[in-house]
Full PDB file with SEQRES, HELIX, SHEET, SSBOND, CRYST1, ORIGX, SCALE, CONECT and MASTER records, all heavy atoms in Angstrom:
SEQRES   1 A   41  ARG LEU GLU ASN ILE GLN PRO LEU LEU LYS PRO GLY ARG          
SEQRES   2 A   41  PHE ASP ALA ALA ASN ASP THR PHE THR LEU LYS GLU SER          
SEQRES   3 A   41  GLY GLN THR VAL PRO LEU ASN SER ALA SER SER ALA PHE          
SEQRES   4 A   41  LEU GLN                                                      
HELIX    1 AA1 LEU A    2  ASN A    4  5                                   3    
HELIX    2 AA2 SER A   34  LEU A   40  1                                   7    
SHEET    1 AA1 3 GLY A  12  ASP A  15  0                                        
SHEET    2 AA1 3 THR A  20  LEU A  23 -1                                        
SHEET    3 AA1 3 THR A  29  PRO A  31 -1                                        
CRYST1    1.000    1.000    1.000  90.00  90.00  90.00 P 1           1          
ORIGX1      1.000000  0.000000  0.000000        0.00000                         
ORIGX2      0.000000  1.000000  0.000000        0.00000                         
ORIGX3      0.000000  0.000000  1.000000        0.00000                         
SCALE1      1.000000  0.000000  0.000000        0.00000                         
SCALE2      0.000000  1.000000  0.000000        0.00000                         
SCALE3      0.000000  0.000000  1.000000        0.00000                         
ATOM      1  N   ARG A   1       0.855  -1.182   0.000  1.00  0.00           N  
ATOM      2  CA  ARG A   1       0.000   0.000   0.000  1.00  0.00           C  
ATOM      3  C   ARG A   1       0.894   1.235   0.000  1.00  0.00           C  
ATOM      4  O   ARG A   1       1.896   1.291   0.702  1.00  0.00           O  
ATOM      5  CB  ARG A   1      -0.908  -0.012   1.220  1.00  0.00           C  
ATOM      6  CG  ARG A   1      -1.930  -1.138   1.167  1.00  0.00           C  
ATOM      7  CD  ARG A   1      -2.817  -1.105   2.381  1.00  0.00           C  
ATOM      8  NE  ARG A   1      -3.484   0.158   2.534  1.00  0.00           N  
ATOM      9  CZ  ARG A   1      -4.746   0.402   2.173  1.00  0.00           C  
ATOM     10  NH1 ARG A   1      -5.454  -0.546   1.644  1.00  0.00           N  
ATOM     11  NH2 ARG A   1      -5.296   1.585   2.365  1.00  0.00           N  
ATOM     12  N   LEU A   2       0.512   2.231  -0.762  1.00  0.00           N  
ATOM     13  CA  LEU A   2       1.311   3.432  -0.945  1.00  0.00           C  
ATOM     14  C   LEU A   2       1.618   4.125   0.375  1.00  0.00           C  
ATOM     15  O   LEU A   2       2.752   4.527   0.632  1.00  0.00           O  
ATOM     16  CB  LEU A   2       0.600   4.398  -1.896  1.00  0.00           C  
ATOM     17  CG  LEU A   2       1.321   5.690  -2.214  1.00  0.00           C  
ATOM     18  CD1 LEU A   2       2.628   5.413  -2.946  1.00  0.00           C  
ATOM     19  CD2 LEU A   2       0.450   6.608  -3.042  1.00  0.00           C  
ATOM     20  N   GLU A   3       0.640   4.221   1.256  1.00  0.00           N  
ATOM     21  CA  GLU A   3       0.844   4.964   2.506  1.00  0.00           C  
ATOM     22  C   GLU A   3       1.818   4.282   3.461  1.00  0.00           C  
ATOM     23  O   GLU A   3       2.338   4.902   4.379  1.00  0.00           O  
ATOM     24  CB  GLU A   3      -0.486   5.254   3.212  1.00  0.00           C  
ATOM     25  CG  GLU A   3      -1.215   4.033   3.711  1.00  0.00           C  
ATOM     26  CD  GLU A   3      -2.203   3.458   2.717  1.00  0.00           C  
ATOM     27  OE1 GLU A   3      -2.140   3.786   1.527  1.00  0.00           O  
ATOM     28  OE2 GLU A   3      -3.046   2.653   3.147  1.00  0.00           O  
ATOM     29  N   ASN A   4       2.094   2.980   3.247  1.00  0.00           N  
ATOM     30  CA  ASN A   4       2.995   2.246   4.135  1.00  0.00           C  
ATOM     31  C   ASN A   4       4.443   2.201   3.646  1.00  0.00           C  
ATOM     32  O   ASN A   4       5.316   1.718   4.359  1.00  0.00           O  
ATOM     33  CB  ASN A   4       2.490   0.818   4.331  1.00  0.00           C  
ATOM     34  CG  ASN A   4       1.154   0.803   5.051  1.00  0.00           C  
ATOM     35  OD1 ASN A   4       0.849   1.679   5.846  1.00  0.00           O  
ATOM     36  ND2 ASN A   4       0.334  -0.174   4.745  1.00  0.00           N  
ATOM     37  N   ILE A   5       4.698   2.699   2.444  1.00  0.00           N  
ATOM     38  CA  ILE A   5       6.053   2.689   1.900  1.00  0.00           C  
ATOM     39  C   ILE A   5       6.897   3.750   2.598  1.00  0.00           C  
ATOM     40  O   ILE A   5       6.423   4.834   2.907  1.00  0.00           O  
ATOM     41  CB  ILE A   5       6.022   2.928   0.375  1.00  0.00           C  
ATOM     42  CG1 ILE A   5       5.342   1.733  -0.295  1.00  0.00           C  
ATOM     43  CG2 ILE A   5       7.412   3.151  -0.187  1.00  0.00           C  
ATOM     44  CD1 ILE A   5       5.169   1.882  -1.779  1.00  0.00           C  
ATOM     45  N   GLN A   6       8.150   3.416   2.846  1.00  0.00           N  
ATOM     46  CA  GLN A   6       9.083   4.335   3.496  1.00  0.00           C  
ATOM     47  C   GLN A   6      10.029   4.909   2.439  1.00  0.00           C  
ATOM     48  O   GLN A   6      11.033   4.299   2.102  1.00  0.00           O  
ATOM     49  CB  GLN A   6       9.864   3.610   4.582  1.00  0.00           C  
ATOM     50  CG  GLN A   6       8.971   3.054   5.661  1.00  0.00           C  
ATOM     51  CD  GLN A   6       9.692   2.120   6.606  1.00  0.00           C  
ATOM     52  OE1 GLN A   6      10.653   1.472   6.230  1.00  0.00           O  
ATOM     53  NE2 GLN A   6       9.210   2.049   7.828  1.00  0.00           N  
ATOM     54  N   PRO A   7       9.702   6.095   1.892  1.00  0.00           N  
ATOM     55  CA  PRO A   7      10.536   6.652   0.823  1.00  0.00           C  
ATOM     56  C   PRO A   7      11.896   7.099   1.342  1.00  0.00           C  
ATOM     57  O   PRO A   7      12.007   7.647   2.428  1.00  0.00           O  
ATOM     58  CB  PRO A   7       9.723   7.844   0.315  1.00  0.00           C  
ATOM     59  CG  PRO A   7       8.886   8.245   1.475  1.00  0.00           C  
ATOM     60  CD  PRO A   7       8.610   6.985   2.246  1.00  0.00           C  
ATOM     61  N   LEU A   8      12.930   6.819   0.549  1.00  0.00           N  
ATOM     62  CA  LEU A   8      14.293   7.197   0.903  1.00  0.00           C  
ATOM     63  C   LEU A   8      14.843   8.092  -0.195  1.00  0.00           C  
ATOM     64  O   LEU A   8      15.061   7.650  -1.324  1.00  0.00           O  
ATOM     65  CB  LEU A   8      15.170   5.955   1.075  1.00  0.00           C  
ATOM     66  CG  LEU A   8      16.622   6.193   1.464  1.00  0.00           C  
ATOM     67  CD1 LEU A   8      16.718   6.990   2.763  1.00  0.00           C  
ATOM     68  CD2 LEU A   8      17.352   4.883   1.608  1.00  0.00           C  
ATOM     69  N   LEU A   9      15.032   9.343   0.136  1.00  0.00           N  
ATOM     70  CA  LEU A   9      15.506  10.339  -0.823  1.00  0.00           C  
ATOM     71  C   LEU A   9      16.977  10.105  -1.134  1.00  0.00           C  
ATOM     72  O   LEU A   9      17.766   9.806  -0.245  1.00  0.00           O  
ATOM     73  CB  LEU A   9      15.311  11.730  -0.205  1.00  0.00           C  
ATOM     74  CG  LEU A   9      15.296  12.936  -1.112  1.00  0.00           C  
ATOM     75  CD1 LEU A   9      14.206  12.827  -2.155  1.00  0.00           C  
ATOM     76  CD2 LEU A   9      15.088  14.195  -0.289  1.00  0.00           C  
ATOM     77  N   LYS A  10      17.333  10.228  -2.411  1.00  0.00           N  
ATOM     78  CA  LYS A  10      18.739  10.112  -2.797  1.00  0.00           C  
ATOM     79  C   LYS A  10      19.494  11.333  -2.267  1.00  0.00           C  
ATOM     80  O   LYS A  10      18.895  12.378  -2.020  1.00  0.00           O  
ATOM     81  CB  LYS A  10      18.857  10.053  -4.323  1.00  0.00           C  
ATOM     82  CG  LYS A  10      18.416   8.737  -4.917  1.00  0.00           C  
ATOM     83  CD  LYS A  10      18.643   8.718  -6.409  1.00  0.00           C  
ATOM     84  CE  LYS A  10      18.295   7.368  -6.993  1.00  0.00           C  
ATOM     85  NZ  LYS A  10      18.471   7.351  -8.458  1.00  0.00           N  
ATOM     86  N   PRO A  11      20.808  11.231  -2.090  1.00  0.00           N  
ATOM     87  CA  PRO A  11      21.584  12.377  -1.598  1.00  0.00           C  
ATOM     88  C   PRO A  11      21.448  13.587  -2.521  1.00  0.00           C  
ATOM     89  O   PRO A  11      21.442  13.456  -3.736  1.00  0.00           O  
ATOM     90  CB  PRO A  11      23.026  11.861  -1.598  1.00  0.00           C  
ATOM     91  CG  PRO A  11      22.914  10.375  -1.583  1.00  0.00           C  
ATOM     92  CD  PRO A  11      21.641  10.044  -2.292  1.00  0.00           C  
ATOM     93  N   GLY A  12      21.306  14.734  -1.892  1.00  0.00           N  
ATOM     94  CA  GLY A  12      21.157  15.963  -2.658  1.00  0.00           C  
ATOM     95  C   GLY A  12      21.148  17.164  -1.732  1.00  0.00           C  
ATOM     96  O   GLY A  12      21.404  17.049  -0.534  1.00  0.00           O  
ATOM     97  N   ARG A  13      20.827  18.315  -2.308  1.00  0.00           N  
ATOM     98  CA  ARG A  13      20.859  19.565  -1.543  1.00  0.00           C  
ATOM     99  C   ARG A  13      19.579  20.354  -1.773  1.00  0.00           C  
ATOM    100  O   ARG A  13      19.148  20.543  -2.908  1.00  0.00           O  
ATOM    101  CB  ARG A  13      22.066  20.388  -2.000  1.00  0.00           C  
ATOM    102  CG  ARG A  13      22.284  21.669  -1.258  1.00  0.00           C  
ATOM    103  CD  ARG A  13      23.556  22.381  -1.697  1.00  0.00           C  
ATOM    104  NE  ARG A  13      23.709  22.497  -3.130  1.00  0.00           N  
ATOM    105  CZ  ARG A  13      23.180  23.473  -3.875  1.00  0.00           C  
ATOM    106  NH1 ARG A  13      22.474  24.418  -3.312  1.00  0.00           N  
ATOM    107  NH2 ARG A  13      23.371  23.502  -5.186  1.00  0.00           N  
ATOM    108  N   PHE A  14      18.974  20.805  -0.679  1.00  0.00           N  
ATOM    109  CA  PHE A  14      17.808  21.672  -0.746  1.00  0.00           C  
ATOM    110  C   PHE A  14      18.274  23.116  -0.838  1.00  0.00           C  
ATOM    111  O   PHE A  14      19.174  23.529  -0.108  1.00  0.00           O  
ATOM    112  CB  PHE A  14      16.923  21.514   0.500  1.00  0.00           C  
ATOM    113  CG  PHE A  14      16.114  20.259   0.506  1.00  0.00           C  
ATOM    114  CD1 PHE A  14      16.553  19.132   1.175  1.00  0.00           C  
ATOM    115  CD2 PHE A  14      14.909  20.196  -0.173  1.00  0.00           C  
ATOM    116  CE1 PHE A  14      15.813  17.968   1.178  1.00  0.00           C  
ATOM    117  CE2 PHE A  14      14.156  19.033  -0.180  1.00  0.00           C  
ATOM    118  CZ  PHE A  14      14.612  17.923   0.499  1.00  0.00           C  
ATOM    119  N   ASP A  15      17.654  23.885  -1.718  1.00  0.00           N  
ATOM    120  CA  ASP A  15      17.941  25.303  -1.845  1.00  0.00           C  
ATOM    121  C   ASP A  15      16.665  26.057  -1.509  1.00  0.00           C  
ATOM    122  O   ASP A  15      15.745  26.148  -2.336  1.00  0.00           O  
ATOM    123  CB  ASP A  15      18.409  25.633  -3.266  1.00  0.00           C  
ATOM    124  CG  ASP A  15      18.826  27.076  -3.429  1.00  0.00           C  
ATOM    125  OD1 ASP A  15      18.748  27.849  -2.452  1.00  0.00           O  
ATOM    126  OD2 ASP A  15      19.244  27.437  -4.556  1.00  0.00           O  
ATOM    127  N   ALA A  16      16.588  26.599  -0.291  1.00  0.00           N  
ATOM    128  CA  ALA A  16      15.382  27.274   0.173  1.00  0.00           C  
ATOM    129  C   ALA A  16      15.118  28.564  -0.593  1.00  0.00           C  
ATOM    130  O   ALA A  16      13.965  28.950  -0.804  1.00  0.00           O  
ATOM    131  CB  ALA A  16      15.491  27.560   1.665  1.00  0.00           C  
ATOM    132  N   ALA A  17      16.167  29.246  -1.013  1.00  0.00           N  
ATOM    133  CA  ALA A  17      16.006  30.516  -1.724  1.00  0.00           C  
ATOM    134  C   ALA A  17      15.323  30.317  -3.080  1.00  0.00           C  
ATOM    135  O   ALA A  17      14.487  31.119  -3.487  1.00  0.00           O  
ATOM    136  CB  ALA A  17      17.363  31.182  -1.916  1.00  0.00           C  
ATOM    137  N   ASN A  18      15.683  29.230  -3.776  1.00  0.00           N  
ATOM    138  CA  ASN A  18      15.113  28.975  -5.103  1.00  0.00           C  
ATOM    139  C   ASN A  18      14.024  27.904  -5.096  1.00  0.00           C  
ATOM    140  O   ASN A  18      13.493  27.563  -6.149  1.00  0.00           O  
ATOM    141  CB  ASN A  18      16.222  28.545  -6.075  1.00  0.00           C  
ATOM    142  CG  ASN A  18      17.234  29.628  -6.286  1.00  0.00           C  
ATOM    143  OD1 ASN A  18      16.895  30.812  -6.328  1.00  0.00           O  
ATOM    144  ND2 ASN A  18      18.494  29.245  -6.413  1.00  0.00           N  
ATOM    145  N   ASP A  19      13.703  27.362  -3.933  1.00  0.00           N  
ATOM    146  CA  ASP A  19      12.725  26.283  -3.802  1.00  0.00           C  
ATOM    147  C   ASP A  19      13.024  25.134  -4.761  1.00  0.00           C  
ATOM    148  O   ASP A  19      12.200  24.734  -5.581  1.00  0.00           O  
ATOM    149  CB  ASP A  19      11.303  26.794  -4.032  1.00  0.00           C  
ATOM    150  CG  ASP A  19      10.798  27.625  -2.876  1.00  0.00           C  
ATOM    151  OD1 ASP A  19      11.230  27.385  -1.746  1.00  0.00           O  
ATOM    152  OD2 ASP A  19       9.969  28.535  -3.111  1.00  0.00           O  
ATOM    153  N   THR A  20      14.225  24.563  -4.619  1.00  0.00           N  
ATOM    154  CA  THR A  20      14.637  23.447  -5.463  1.00  0.00           C  
ATOM    155  C   THR A  20      15.363  22.396  -4.643  1.00  0.00           C  
ATOM    156  O   THR A  20      15.828  22.666  -3.537  1.00  0.00           O  
ATOM    157  CB  THR A  20      15.581  23.904  -6.605  1.00  0.00           C  
ATOM    158  OG1 THR A  20      16.738  24.504  -6.027  1.00  0.00           O  
ATOM    159  CG2 THR A  20      14.890  24.852  -7.553  1.00  0.00           C  
ATOM    160  N   PHE A  21      15.436  21.201  -5.209  1.00  0.00           N  
ATOM    161  CA  PHE A  21      16.238  20.116  -4.653  1.00  0.00           C  
ATOM    162  C   PHE A  21      17.139  19.629  -5.776  1.00  0.00           C  
ATOM    163  O   PHE A  21      16.662  19.300  -6.868  1.00  0.00           O  
ATOM    164  CB  PHE A  21      15.351  18.970  -4.146  1.00  0.00           C  
ATOM    165  CG  PHE A  21      16.118  17.778  -3.677  1.00  0.00           C  
ATOM    166  CD1 PHE A  21      16.825  17.817  -2.480  1.00  0.00           C  
ATOM    167  CD2 PHE A  21      16.152  16.614  -4.429  1.00  0.00           C  
ATOM    168  CE1 PHE A  21      17.545  16.714  -2.047  1.00  0.00           C  
ATOM    169  CE2 PHE A  21      16.856  15.503  -3.999  1.00  0.00           C  
ATOM    170  CZ  PHE A  21      17.551  15.555  -2.803  1.00  0.00           C  
ATOM    171  N   THR A  22      18.451  19.601  -5.542  1.00  0.00           N  
ATOM    172  CA  THR A  22      19.411  19.179  -6.559  1.00  0.00           C  
ATOM    173  C   THR A  22      20.028  17.852  -6.147  1.00  0.00           C  
ATOM    174  O   THR A  22      20.602  17.744  -5.061  1.00  0.00           O  
ATOM    175  CB  THR A  22      20.518  20.237  -6.745  1.00  0.00           C  
ATOM    176  OG1 THR A  22      19.898  21.499  -7.001  1.00  0.00           O  
ATOM    177  CG2 THR A  22      21.432  19.877  -7.886  1.00  0.00           C  
ATOM    178  N   LEU A  23      19.889  16.856  -7.025  1.00  0.00           N  
ATOM    179  CA  LEU A  23      20.470  15.545  -6.764  1.00  0.00           C  
ATOM    180  C   LEU A  23      21.983  15.617  -6.880  1.00  0.00           C  
ATOM    181  O   LEU A  23      22.519  16.251  -7.795  1.00  0.00           O  
ATOM    182  CB  LEU A  23      19.927  14.516  -7.752  1.00  0.00           C  
ATOM    183  CG  LEU A  23      18.467  14.136  -7.553  1.00  0.00           C  
ATOM    184  CD1 LEU A  23      17.941  13.379  -8.755  1.00  0.00           C  
ATOM    185  CD2 LEU A  23      18.305  13.306  -6.307  1.00  0.00           C  
ATOM    186  N   LYS A  24      22.670  14.976  -5.942  1.00  0.00           N  
ATOM    187  CA  LYS A  24      24.136  15.022  -5.886  1.00  0.00           C  
ATOM    188  C   LYS A  24      24.777  14.302  -7.073  1.00  0.00           C  
ATOM    189  O   LYS A  24      25.684  14.826  -7.699  1.00  0.00           O  
ATOM    190  CB  LYS A  24      24.605  14.412  -4.567  1.00  0.00           C  
ATOM    191  CG  LYS A  24      26.070  14.542  -4.297  1.00  0.00           C  
ATOM    192  CD  LYS A  24      26.409  13.979  -2.930  1.00  0.00           C  
ATOM    193  CE  LYS A  24      27.884  14.160  -2.619  1.00  0.00           C  
ATOM    194  NZ  LYS A  24      28.212  13.647  -1.284  1.00  0.00           N  
ATOM    195  N   GLU A  25      24.276  13.089  -7.374  1.00  0.00           N  
ATOM    196  CA  GLU A  25      24.881  12.269  -8.431  1.00  0.00           C  
ATOM    197  C   GLU A  25      24.696  12.861  -9.828  1.00  0.00           C  
ATOM    198  O   GLU A  25      25.650  13.040 -10.564  1.00  0.00           O  
ATOM    199  CB  GLU A  25      24.302  10.858  -8.404  1.00  0.00           C  
ATOM    200  CG  GLU A  25      24.723  10.051  -7.218  1.00  0.00           C  
ATOM    201  CD  GLU A  25      24.064   8.675  -7.207  1.00  0.00           C  
ATOM    202  OE1 GLU A  25      23.324   8.344  -8.146  1.00  0.00           O  
ATOM    203  OE2 GLU A  25      24.287   7.944  -6.241  1.00  0.00           O  
ATOM    204  N   SER A  26      23.442  13.145 -10.180  1.00  0.00           N  
ATOM    205  CA  SER A  26      23.147  13.566 -11.547  1.00  0.00           C  
ATOM    206  C   SER A  26      23.149  15.080 -11.738  1.00  0.00           C  
ATOM    207  O   SER A  26      23.216  15.557 -12.862  1.00  0.00           O  
ATOM    208  CB  SER A  26      21.787  13.014 -11.986  1.00  0.00           C  
ATOM    209  OG  SER A  26      20.756  13.572 -11.191  1.00  0.00           O  
ATOM    210  N   GLY A  27      23.038  15.825 -10.650  1.00  0.00           N  
ATOM    211  CA  GLY A  27      22.969  17.277 -10.752  1.00  0.00           C  
ATOM    212  C   GLY A  27      21.603  17.771 -11.206  1.00  0.00           C  
ATOM    213  O   GLY A  27      21.408  18.963 -11.447  1.00  0.00           O  
ATOM    214  N   GLN A  28      20.647  16.870 -11.306  1.00  0.00           N  
ATOM    215  CA  GLN A  28      19.291  17.214 -11.724  1.00  0.00           C  
ATOM    216  C   GLN A  28      18.626  18.083 -10.663  1.00  0.00           C  
ATOM    217  O   GLN A  28      18.718  17.808  -9.472  1.00  0.00           O  
ATOM    218  CB  GLN A  28      18.485  15.933 -11.943  1.00  0.00           C  
ATOM    219  CG  GLN A  28      17.061  16.142 -12.336  1.00  0.00           C  
ATOM    220  CD  GLN A  28      16.311  14.826 -12.445  1.00  0.00           C  
ATOM    221  OE1 GLN A  28      16.861  13.753 -12.182  1.00  0.00           O  
ATOM    222  NE2 GLN A  28      15.060  14.899 -12.816  1.00  0.00           N  
ATOM    223  N   THR A  29      17.949  19.138 -11.113  1.00  0.00           N  
ATOM    224  CA  THR A  29      17.265  20.043 -10.193  1.00  0.00           C  
ATOM    225  C   THR A  29      15.766  19.814 -10.272  1.00  0.00           C  
ATOM    226  O   THR A  29      15.187  19.799 -11.356  1.00  0.00           O  
ATOM    227  CB  THR A  29      17.591  21.509 -10.545  1.00  0.00           C  
ATOM    228  OG1 THR A  29      19.003  21.681 -10.461  1.00  0.00           O  
ATOM    229  CG2 THR A  29      16.922  22.465  -9.580  1.00  0.00           C  
ATOM    230  N   VAL A  30      15.143  19.619  -9.101  1.00  0.00           N  
ATOM    231  CA  VAL A  30      13.711  19.378  -9.008  1.00  0.00           C  
ATOM    232  C   VAL A  30      13.061  20.603  -8.367  1.00  0.00           C  
ATOM    233  O   VAL A  30      13.391  20.958  -7.236  1.00  0.00           O  
ATOM    234  CB  VAL A  30      13.422  18.123  -8.150  1.00  0.00           C  
ATOM    235  CG1 VAL A  30      11.941  17.877  -8.034  1.00  0.00           C  
ATOM    236  CG2 VAL A  30      14.143  16.917  -8.703  1.00  0.00           C  
ATOM    237  N   PRO A  31      12.133  21.280  -9.079  1.00  0.00           N  
ATOM    238  CA  PRO A  31      11.450  22.437  -8.487  1.00  0.00           C  
ATOM    239  C   PRO A  31      10.486  21.983  -7.390  1.00  0.00           C  
ATOM    240  O   PRO A  31       9.846  20.941  -7.504  1.00  0.00           O  
ATOM    241  CB  PRO A  31      10.697  23.056  -9.663  1.00  0.00           C  
ATOM    242  CG  PRO A  31      10.551  21.961 -10.664  1.00  0.00           C  
ATOM    243  CD  PRO A  31      11.691  21.021 -10.452  1.00  0.00           C  
ATOM    244  N   LEU A  32      10.395  22.781  -6.333  1.00  0.00           N  
ATOM    245  CA  LEU A  32       9.544  22.445  -5.186  1.00  0.00           C  
ATOM    246  C   LEU A  32       8.632  23.610  -4.833  1.00  0.00           C  
ATOM    247  O   LEU A  32       8.859  24.739  -5.228  1.00  0.00           O  
ATOM    248  CB  LEU A  32      10.407  22.116  -3.969  1.00  0.00           C  
ATOM    249  CG  LEU A  32      11.439  21.004  -4.106  1.00  0.00           C  
ATOM    250  CD1 LEU A  32      12.284  20.931  -2.853  1.00  0.00           C  
ATOM    251  CD2 LEU A  32      10.755  19.683  -4.360  1.00  0.00           C  
ATOM    252  N   ASN A  33       7.611  23.305  -4.032  1.00  0.00           N  
ATOM    253  CA  ASN A  33       6.809  24.326  -3.372  1.00  0.00           C  
ATOM    254  C   ASN A  33       6.856  24.014  -1.884  1.00  0.00           C  
ATOM    255  O   ASN A  33       7.546  23.093  -1.469  1.00  0.00           O  
ATOM    256  CB  ASN A  33       5.380  24.342  -3.934  1.00  0.00           C  
ATOM    257  CG  ASN A  33       4.727  22.985  -3.868  1.00  0.00           C  
ATOM    258  OD1 ASN A  33       5.008  22.203  -2.970  1.00  0.00           O  
ATOM    259  ND2 ASN A  33       3.870  22.681  -4.813  1.00  0.00           N  
ATOM    260  N   SER A  34       6.136  24.739  -1.081  1.00  0.00           N  
ATOM    261  CA  SER A  34       6.256  24.553   0.375  1.00  0.00           C  
ATOM    262  C   SER A  34       5.846  23.150   0.819  1.00  0.00           C  
ATOM    263  O   SER A  34       6.504  22.537   1.654  1.00  0.00           O  
ATOM    264  CB  SER A  34       5.433  25.600   1.117  1.00  0.00           C  
ATOM    265  OG  SER A  34       4.061  25.461   0.807  1.00  0.00           O  
ATOM    266  N   ALA A  35       4.758  22.608   0.257  1.00  0.00           N  
ATOM    267  CA  ALA A  35       4.309  21.261   0.636  1.00  0.00           C  
ATOM    268  C   ALA A  35       5.322  20.216   0.195  1.00  0.00           C  
ATOM    269  O   ALA A  35       5.642  19.296   0.946  1.00  0.00           O  
ATOM    270  CB  ALA A  35       2.944  20.965   0.026  1.00  0.00           C  
ATOM    271  N   SER A  36       5.844  20.364  -1.009  1.00  0.00           N  
ATOM    272  CA  SER A  36       6.830  19.420  -1.527  1.00  0.00           C  
ATOM    273  C   SER A  36       8.092  19.432  -0.684  1.00  0.00           C  
ATOM    274  O   SER A  36       8.637  18.393  -0.340  1.00  0.00           O  
ATOM    275  CB  SER A  36       7.208  19.774  -2.966  1.00  0.00           C  
ATOM    276  OG  SER A  36       6.091  19.795  -3.789  1.00  0.00           O  
ATOM    277  N   SER A  37       8.540  20.611  -0.363  1.00  0.00           N  
ATOM    278  CA  SER A  37       9.763  20.759   0.421  1.00  0.00           C  
ATOM    279  C   SER A  37       9.605  20.139   1.810  1.00  0.00           C  
ATOM    280  O   SER A  37      10.469  19.401   2.274  1.00  0.00           O  
ATOM    281  CB  SER A  37      10.123  22.234   0.535  1.00  0.00           C  
ATOM    282  OG  SER A  37      11.308  22.392   1.252  1.00  0.00           O  
ATOM    283  N   ALA A  38       8.491  20.435   2.458  1.00  0.00           N  
ATOM    284  CA  ALA A  38       8.236  19.885   3.792  1.00  0.00           C  
ATOM    285  C   ALA A  38       8.178  18.366   3.754  1.00  0.00           C  
ATOM    286  O   ALA A  38       8.682  17.689   4.646  1.00  0.00           O  
ATOM    287  CB  ALA A  38       6.933  20.451   4.344  1.00  0.00           C  
ATOM    288  N   PHE A  39       7.582  17.804   2.705  1.00  0.00           N  
ATOM    289  CA  PHE A  39       7.464  16.360   2.569  1.00  0.00           C  
ATOM    290  C   PHE A  39       8.824  15.724   2.301  1.00  0.00           C  
ATOM    291  O   PHE A  39       9.227  14.787   2.979  1.00  0.00           O  
ATOM    292  CB  PHE A  39       6.483  16.014   1.445  1.00  0.00           C  
ATOM    293  CG  PHE A  39       6.330  14.543   1.205  1.00  0.00           C  
ATOM    294  CD1 PHE A  39       5.430  13.798   1.948  1.00  0.00           C  
ATOM    295  CD2 PHE A  39       7.082  13.901   0.235  1.00  0.00           C  
ATOM    296  CE1 PHE A  39       5.283  12.439   1.731  1.00  0.00           C  
ATOM    297  CE2 PHE A  39       6.943  12.540   0.009  1.00  0.00           C  
ATOM    298  CZ  PHE A  39       6.042  11.816   0.763  1.00  0.00           C  
ATOM    299  N   LEU A  40       9.538  16.239   1.299  1.00  0.00           N  
ATOM    300  CA  LEU A  40      10.805  15.626   0.893  1.00  0.00           C  
ATOM    301  C   LEU A  40      11.876  15.693   1.972  1.00  0.00           C  
ATOM    302  O   LEU A  40      12.710  14.799   2.077  1.00  0.00           O  
ATOM    303  CB  LEU A  40      11.316  16.261  -0.398  1.00  0.00           C  
ATOM    304  CG  LEU A  40      10.528  15.909  -1.662  1.00  0.00           C  
ATOM    305  CD1 LEU A  40      11.096  16.638  -2.866  1.00  0.00           C  
ATOM    306  CD2 LEU A  40      10.520  14.415  -1.906  1.00  0.00           C  
ATOM    307  N   GLN A  41      11.872  16.734   2.785  1.00  0.00           N  
ATOM    308  CA  GLN A  41      12.878  16.848   3.830  1.00  0.00           C  
ATOM    309  C   GLN A  41      12.715  15.772   4.900  1.00  0.00           C  
ATOM    310  O   GLN A  41      13.640  15.505   5.661  1.00  0.00           O  
ATOM    311  CB  GLN A  41      12.831  18.244   4.458  1.00  0.00           C  
ATOM    312  CG  GLN A  41      13.368  19.303   3.529  1.00  0.00           C  
ATOM    313  CD  GLN A  41      13.301  20.693   4.127  1.00  0.00           C  
ATOM    314  OE1 GLN A  41      13.130  20.857   5.333  1.00  0.00           O  
ATOM    315  NE2 GLN A  41      13.446  21.692   3.284  1.00  0.00           N  
TER     316      GLN A  41                                                      
MASTER        0    0    0    2    3    0    0    6  315    1    0    4          
END                                                                             
């Protein structure tokens, strides 16, 4: 069931000023909003 899965975020860096998360390995930047940021952290 989706609600029982324990998500594990890959290593990366949150940038609060730009509301983004950048993956360490690939350098890919994921845009976030407040709900996304609170969840992913």
